Protein backbone atom coordinates (compact mmCIF):
# COMPACT_ATOMS: atom_id res chain seq x y z
CA MET A 1 73.17 97.76 134.60
CA THR A 2 71.12 96.42 131.73
CA ALA A 3 71.73 92.97 130.35
CA GLY A 4 72.39 93.40 126.69
CA ARG A 5 75.01 93.24 124.03
CA GLN A 6 77.46 95.87 122.89
CA SER A 7 77.56 96.44 119.13
CA VAL A 8 80.75 96.10 117.12
CA PRO A 9 81.86 99.10 115.04
CA GLY A 10 82.86 98.70 111.39
CA ASP A 11 84.25 95.36 110.29
CA GLY A 12 85.63 94.62 113.75
CA ARG A 13 89.26 94.03 112.72
CA VAL A 14 91.90 94.79 115.35
CA LEU A 15 95.66 94.40 115.23
CA VAL A 16 97.41 94.08 118.57
CA ALA A 17 101.06 95.12 118.48
CA PHE A 18 103.50 93.78 121.05
CA THR A 19 106.80 95.56 121.53
CA GLY A 20 109.84 95.39 123.76
CA GLN A 21 110.35 99.13 123.77
CA THR A 22 109.89 100.71 127.16
CA GLU A 23 111.44 103.56 129.08
CA LEU A 24 110.19 102.21 132.39
CA TRP A 25 112.89 100.32 134.28
CA TRP A 26 110.42 98.22 136.25
CA LEU A 27 109.13 96.61 133.04
CA ARG A 28 112.56 95.16 132.23
CA TRP A 29 111.65 91.92 134.03
CA LEU A 30 109.01 91.22 131.36
CA ARG A 31 109.87 88.99 128.41
CA PRO A 32 112.02 90.83 125.81
CA GLY A 33 109.90 91.85 122.85
CA PHE A 34 106.74 91.69 124.97
CA ARG A 35 106.94 94.58 127.42
CA HIS A 36 104.08 96.67 126.05
CA CYS A 37 101.05 96.20 123.84
CA TYR A 38 98.67 98.48 122.02
CA ALA A 39 95.89 98.10 119.47
CA LEU A 40 95.06 99.37 116.02
CA ILE A 41 91.34 99.34 115.32
CA GLU A 42 89.92 99.42 111.82
CA CYS A 43 86.99 101.76 111.38
CA GLU A 44 85.17 103.36 108.46
CA SER A 45 87.61 106.28 108.27
CA GLY A 46 90.76 104.15 108.45
CA TRP A 47 92.72 102.94 111.47
CA VAL A 48 92.78 104.24 115.03
CA ILE A 49 95.69 103.63 117.40
CA TYR A 50 94.71 102.84 120.99
CA ASN A 51 97.88 103.02 123.08
CA PRO A 52 97.33 102.66 126.85
CA ALA A 53 100.60 103.83 128.41
CA SER A 54 101.32 104.18 132.11
CA HIS A 55 101.19 108.00 132.03
CA ARG A 56 98.39 108.51 129.48
CA THR A 57 96.23 106.77 126.91
CA GLU A 58 96.81 107.82 123.33
CA ILE A 59 93.95 107.56 120.83
CA ARG A 60 94.93 108.74 117.38
CA SER A 61 93.55 108.30 113.86
CA ILE A 62 96.17 107.39 111.27
CA GLY A 63 93.95 107.50 108.20
CA CYS A 64 93.57 104.76 105.63
CA PRO A 65 96.88 103.01 105.00
CA ALA A 66 96.62 99.66 103.24
CA LEU A 67 96.83 96.72 105.62
CA ALA A 68 100.15 95.61 104.07
CA ASP A 69 101.65 99.10 104.59
CA LEU A 70 100.41 99.17 108.18
CA LEU A 71 101.96 95.77 108.88
CA ASP A 72 105.24 96.85 107.24
CA TRP A 73 105.30 99.91 109.52
CA LEU A 74 104.66 97.77 112.62
CA PHE A 75 107.27 95.15 111.67
CA ALA A 76 109.84 97.85 110.88
CA ASP A 77 109.25 99.15 114.41
CA GLY A 78 110.06 95.69 115.77
CA ALA A 79 106.51 94.78 116.76
CA VAL A 80 105.01 91.31 116.87
CA VAL A 81 101.41 91.52 115.63
CA ALA A 82 98.34 89.44 116.40
CA ALA A 83 95.06 89.90 114.57
CA TRP A 84 91.65 89.74 116.21
CA ARG A 85 88.07 90.25 115.15
CA LEU A 86 85.77 92.03 117.57
CA SER A 87 82.50 90.34 118.35
CA GLU A 88 79.58 91.22 120.54
CA VAL A 89 80.23 90.71 124.23
CA PRO A 90 77.81 90.51 127.16
CA ASN A 91 77.18 93.87 128.74
CA CYS A 92 78.35 93.03 132.25
CA MET A 93 81.03 94.33 134.56
CA ALA A 94 84.57 93.13 133.91
CA PRO A 95 86.68 92.05 136.88
CA VAL A 96 88.35 94.85 138.81
CA ARG A 97 92.06 94.81 137.96
CA PRO A 98 94.98 97.25 137.90
CA PHE A 99 95.06 99.44 134.79
CA THR A 100 97.81 98.09 132.54
CA CYS A 101 98.25 98.00 128.79
CA VAL A 102 97.26 94.32 128.86
CA GLU A 103 94.08 94.91 130.84
CA ALA A 104 93.11 97.83 128.59
CA VAL A 105 93.63 95.78 125.41
CA LYS A 106 91.79 92.78 126.90
CA ARG A 107 88.77 95.00 127.58
CA LEU A 108 88.91 96.45 124.09
CA LEU A 109 88.91 92.93 122.64
CA GLY A 110 86.21 91.72 125.04
CA LEU A 111 88.48 89.05 126.51
CA ARG A 112 87.80 87.55 129.92
CA ALA A 113 91.14 85.90 130.57
CA PRO A 114 91.72 86.04 134.34
CA GLY A 115 95.20 84.49 134.22
CA VAL A 116 96.54 86.89 131.60
CA PHE A 117 98.60 89.72 133.11
CA THR A 118 101.61 90.30 130.81
CA PRO A 119 101.90 91.12 127.11
CA TRP A 120 103.49 87.70 126.48
CA GLN A 121 100.56 85.94 128.18
CA LEU A 122 98.11 87.98 126.12
CA TYR A 123 99.94 87.11 122.90
CA ARG A 124 99.90 83.38 123.79
CA HIS A 125 96.21 83.54 124.74
CA MET A 126 95.30 85.26 121.47
CA SER A 127 97.42 82.81 119.44
CA ARG A 128 95.78 79.78 121.07
CA SER A 129 92.29 81.25 120.59
CA MET A 130 92.97 81.93 116.92
CA GLU A 131 94.33 78.38 116.44
CA LYS A 132 91.19 76.90 118.02
CA THR A 133 88.97 79.09 115.83
CA ALA A 134 90.89 78.09 112.69
CA LYS A 135 90.66 74.38 113.57
CA LYS A 136 86.93 74.69 114.28
CA GLU A 137 86.35 76.52 110.98
CA LYS A 138 88.40 73.92 109.07
CA LYS A 139 86.44 71.10 110.73
CA ASN A 140 83.15 72.77 109.75
CA LEU A 141 84.43 73.32 106.21
CA ASP A 142 85.56 69.67 105.94
CA LYS A 143 82.17 68.50 107.25
CA TRP A 144 80.42 70.71 104.70
CA LYS A 145 82.65 69.41 101.88
CA ASN A 146 82.00 65.79 102.89
CA THR A 147 78.29 66.41 103.03
CA PHE A 148 78.39 68.15 99.67
CA ASN A 149 80.44 65.37 98.05
CA LEU A 150 78.13 62.67 99.43
CA SER A 151 75.01 64.43 98.24
CA SER A 152 76.44 65.00 94.73
CA GLN A 153 77.16 61.29 94.08
């Protein structure tokens, strides 16, 4: 395997939808509302649904709905949605794990989160990561503002 970086298509925006809908009885032990997850990937031609189910993986283009319309559709379906931005990831082998919707979405996002196995855990991990990123960006913005204000006096 070559050591390199994988490029990110388009703008890199991904919505991860978490839902409680399942027809599989053995998933009933999972947290209500977080029994399955799938991703919607923004690309140049619109949005693509990536839905890794237990019996098949569905990949389907849904065209170019506005982001607000897409979110309305997801919320009307009862989904909880987390946003993510793809970034380049090291080109190395991911850990060997059972194929689940969570593992498939983690690999799509480039996440190496060894303790994340359920949709609820993935949602919490993504939420914490986004909070850290927002705090870091705010800190950098505040530092820049302070520097700018000091230099303009």
